[in-house]
Protein backbone atom coordinates (compact mmCIF):
# COMPACT_ATOMS: atom_id res chain seq x y z
CA UNK A 1 0.00 0.00 0.00
CA UNK A 2 1.25 3.45 -0.81
CA UNK A 3 1.91 5.75 2.08
CA UNK A 4 3.03 9.37 2.00
CA UNK A 5 6.50 10.22 3.16
CA UNK A 6 8.47 13.21 4.33
CA UNK A 7 6.19 15.37 6.39
CA UNK A 8 3.77 15.16 9.27
CA UNK A 9 1.15 17.31 7.55
CA UNK A 10 1.01 15.08 4.48
CA UNK A 11 0.77 11.96 6.65
CA UNK A 12 -2.10 13.49 8.65
CA UNK A 13 -3.99 14.45 5.49
CA UNK A 14 -3.46 10.97 4.06
CA UNK A 15 -4.70 9.30 7.24
CA UNK A 16 -7.80 11.53 7.33
CA UNK A 17 -8.61 10.77 3.67
CA UNK A 18 -8.24 7.01 4.14
CA UNK A 19 -10.34 7.09 7.30
CA UNK A 20 -13.11 9.02 5.51
CA UNK A 21 -12.96 6.65 2.55
CA UNK A 22 -13.23 3.46 4.60
CA UNK A 23 -15.88 4.65 7.04
CA UNK A 24 -19.56 3.89 6.45
CA UNK A 25 -22.15 6.51 5.64
CA UNK A 26 -25.93 6.68 5.91
CA UNK A 27 -27.83 5.59 2.82
CA UNK A 28 -30.19 8.30 1.53
CA UNK A 29 -32.65 5.68 0.32
CA UNK A 30 -32.99 3.23 3.23
CA UNK A 31 -31.38 5.26 6.05
CA UNK A 32 -28.99 2.54 7.24
CA UNK A 33 -25.26 2.99 7.85
CA UNK A 34 -24.32 0.68 5.00
CA UNK A 35 -22.82 2.97 2.33
CA UNK A 36 -19.38 1.73 1.25
CA UNK A 37 -16.90 2.98 -1.29
CA UNK A 38 -16.87 0.88 -4.49
CA UNK A 39 -14.84 2.88 -6.99
CA UNK A 40 -13.76 6.45 -7.65
CA UNK A 41 -16.80 8.58 -6.68
CA UNK A 42 -19.10 5.54 -6.70
CA UNK A 43 -20.75 4.47 -3.46
CA UNK A 44 -23.03 1.47 -2.92
CA UNK A 45 -25.42 0.50 -0.13
CA UNK A 46 -24.94 -3.03 1.11
CA UNK A 47 -28.50 -3.17 2.44
CA UNK A 48 -30.71 -1.97 -0.42
CA UNK A 49 -28.04 -2.39 -3.17
CA UNK A 50 -28.52 1.17 -4.44
CA UNK A 51 -25.64 2.88 -6.20
CA UNK A 52 -24.89 6.59 -5.77
CA UNK A 53 -22.26 9.05 -6.91
CA UNK A 54 -20.44 11.25 -4.45
CA UNK A 55 -17.01 12.50 -3.66
CA UNK A 56 -13.76 10.65 -4.19
CA UNK A 57 -13.11 10.13 -0.48
CA UNK A 58 -16.40 11.07 1.20
CA UNK A 59 -19.97 10.33 0.25
CA UNK A 60 -21.00 14.00 0.19
CA UNK A 61 -18.78 16.94 -0.64
CA UNK A 62 -19.05 20.59 0.31
CA UNK A 63 -19.85 21.56 -3.28
CA UNK A 64 -22.55 18.89 -3.47
CA UNK A 65 -24.13 20.06 -0.22
CA UNK A 66 -24.13 23.66 -1.46
CA UNK A 67 -25.74 22.67 -4.76
CA UNK A 68 -28.40 20.66 -2.92
CA UNK A 69 -29.26 23.63 -0.69
CA UNK A 70 -29.48 26.00 -3.67
CA UNK A 71 -31.76 23.63 -5.56
CA UNK A 72 -34.03 23.26 -2.55
CA UNK A 73 -34.20 27.04 -2.02
CA UNK A 74 -35.06 27.66 -5.69
CA UNK A 75 -37.70 24.92 -5.61
CA UNK A 76 -39.49 26.77 -2.79
CA UNK A 77 -39.86 29.91 -4.91
C-alpha atoms as a PDB file:
ATOM      1  CA  UNK A   1       0.000   0.000   0.000  1.00  0.00           C
ATOM      2  CA  UNK A   2       1.248   3.445  -0.808  1.00  0.00           C
ATOM      3  CA  UNK A   3       1.913   5.750   2.076  1.00  0.00           C
ATOM      4  CA  UNK A   4       3.031   9.368   2.004  1.00  0.00           C
ATOM      5  CA  UNK A   5       6.496  10.219   3.160  1.00  0.00           C
ATOM      6  CA  UNK A   6       8.475  13.215   4.335  1.00  0.00           C
ATOM      7  CA  UNK A   7       6.192  15.366   6.394  1.00  0.00           C
ATOM      8  CA  UNK A   8       3.774  15.161   9.268  1.00  0.00           C
ATOM      9  CA  UNK A   9       1.151  17.306   7.552  1.00  0.00           C
ATOM     10  CA  UNK A  10       1.014  15.080   4.484  1.00  0.00           C
ATOM     11  CA  UNK A  11       0.767  11.961   6.646  1.00  0.00           C
ATOM     12  CA  UNK A  12      -2.103  13.489   8.654  1.00  0.00           C
ATOM     13  CA  UNK A  13      -3.992  14.455   5.486  1.00  0.00           C
ATOM     14  CA  UNK A  14      -3.461  10.975   4.064  1.00  0.00           C
ATOM     15  CA  UNK A  15      -4.699   9.301   7.239  1.00  0.00           C
ATOM     16  CA  UNK A  16      -7.801  11.529   7.327  1.00  0.00           C
ATOM     17  CA  UNK A  17      -8.607  10.771   3.673  1.00  0.00           C
ATOM     18  CA  UNK A  18      -8.238   7.012   4.139  1.00  0.00           C
ATOM     19  CA  UNK A  19     -10.342   7.088   7.304  1.00  0.00           C
ATOM     20  CA  UNK A  20     -13.111   9.015   5.507  1.00  0.00           C
ATOM     21  CA  UNK A  21     -12.956   6.652   2.545  1.00  0.00           C
ATOM     22  CA  UNK A  22     -13.227   3.457   4.597  1.00  0.00           C
ATOM     23  CA  UNK A  23     -15.878   4.647   7.044  1.00  0.00           C
ATOM     24  CA  UNK A  24     -19.557   3.887   6.455  1.00  0.00           C
ATOM     25  CA  UNK A  25     -22.151   6.508   5.638  1.00  0.00           C
ATOM     26  CA  UNK A  26     -25.926   6.676   5.908  1.00  0.00           C
ATOM     27  CA  UNK A  27     -27.826   5.589   2.817  1.00  0.00           C
ATOM     28  CA  UNK A  28     -30.186   8.305   1.529  1.00  0.00           C
ATOM     29  CA  UNK A  29     -32.653   5.675   0.321  1.00  0.00           C
ATOM     30  CA  UNK A  30     -32.987   3.229   3.233  1.00  0.00           C
ATOM     31  CA  UNK A  31     -31.379   5.256   6.054  1.00  0.00           C
ATOM     32  CA  UNK A  32     -28.988   2.543   7.238  1.00  0.00           C
ATOM     33  CA  UNK A  33     -25.258   2.990   7.854  1.00  0.00           C
ATOM     34  CA  UNK A  34     -24.315   0.682   4.999  1.00  0.00           C
ATOM     35  CA  UNK A  35     -22.817   2.970   2.331  1.00  0.00           C
ATOM     36  CA  UNK A  36     -19.381   1.731   1.254  1.00  0.00           C
ATOM     37  CA  UNK A  37     -16.901   2.983  -1.295  1.00  0.00           C
ATOM     38  CA  UNK A  38     -16.867   0.883  -4.493  1.00  0.00           C
ATOM     39  CA  UNK A  39     -14.841   2.880  -6.986  1.00  0.00           C
ATOM     40  CA  UNK A  40     -13.756   6.453  -7.654  1.00  0.00           C
ATOM     41  CA  UNK A  41     -16.804   8.577  -6.680  1.00  0.00           C
ATOM     42  CA  UNK A  42     -19.105   5.536  -6.705  1.00  0.00           C
ATOM     43  CA  UNK A  43     -20.754   4.470  -3.458  1.00  0.00           C
ATOM     44  CA  UNK A  44     -23.034   1.473  -2.917  1.00  0.00           C
ATOM     45  CA  UNK A  45     -25.419   0.505  -0.134  1.00  0.00           C
ATOM     46  CA  UNK A  46     -24.943  -3.032   1.112  1.00  0.00           C
ATOM     47  CA  UNK A  47     -28.497  -3.173   2.437  1.00  0.00           C
ATOM     48  CA  UNK A  48     -30.710  -1.974  -0.423  1.00  0.00           C
ATOM     49  CA  UNK A  49     -28.043  -2.391  -3.168  1.00  0.00           C
ATOM     50  CA  UNK A  50     -28.522   1.175  -4.440  1.00  0.00           C
ATOM     51  CA  UNK A  51     -25.642   2.884  -6.199  1.00  0.00           C
ATOM     52  CA  UNK A  52     -24.893   6.593  -5.772  1.00  0.00           C
ATOM     53  CA  UNK A  53     -22.260   9.048  -6.907  1.00  0.00           C
ATOM     54  CA  UNK A  54     -20.444  11.248  -4.448  1.00  0.00           C
ATOM     55  CA  UNK A  55     -17.009  12.497  -3.662  1.00  0.00           C
ATOM     56  CA  UNK A  56     -13.762  10.651  -4.193  1.00  0.00           C
ATOM     57  CA  UNK A  57     -13.108  10.133  -0.480  1.00  0.00           C
ATOM     58  CA  UNK A  58     -16.401  11.074   1.204  1.00  0.00           C
ATOM     59  CA  UNK A  59     -19.970  10.329   0.247  1.00  0.00           C
ATOM     60  CA  UNK A  60     -21.003  13.996   0.190  1.00  0.00           C
ATOM     61  CA  UNK A  61     -18.783  16.938  -0.640  1.00  0.00           C
ATOM     62  CA  UNK A  62     -19.051  20.594   0.315  1.00  0.00           C
ATOM     63  CA  UNK A  63     -19.850  21.555  -3.283  1.00  0.00           C
ATOM     64  CA  UNK A  64     -22.549  18.891  -3.475  1.00  0.00           C
ATOM     65  CA  UNK A  65     -24.131  20.058  -0.221  1.00  0.00           C
ATOM     66  CA  UNK A  66     -24.125  23.665  -1.464  1.00  0.00           C
ATOM     67  CA  UNK A  67     -25.745  22.666  -4.762  1.00  0.00           C
ATOM     68  CA  UNK A  68     -28.399  20.659  -2.920  1.00  0.00           C
ATOM     69  CA  UNK A  69     -29.261  23.627  -0.691  1.00  0.00           C
ATOM     70  CA  UNK A  70     -29.478  26.001  -3.672  1.00  0.00           C
ATOM     71  CA  UNK A  71     -31.763  23.628  -5.558  1.00  0.00           C
ATOM     72  CA  UNK A  72     -34.026  23.264  -2.547  1.00  0.00           C
ATOM     73  CA  UNK A  73     -34.201  27.037  -2.023  1.00  0.00           C
ATOM     74  CA  UNK A  74     -35.065  27.662  -5.690  1.00  0.00           C
ATOM     75  CA  UNK A  75     -37.696  24.922  -5.605  1.00  0.00           C
ATOM     76  CA  UNK A  76     -39.495  26.766  -2.789  1.00  0.00           C
ATOM     77  CA  UNK A  77     -39.856  29.914  -4.905  1.00  0.00           C
END
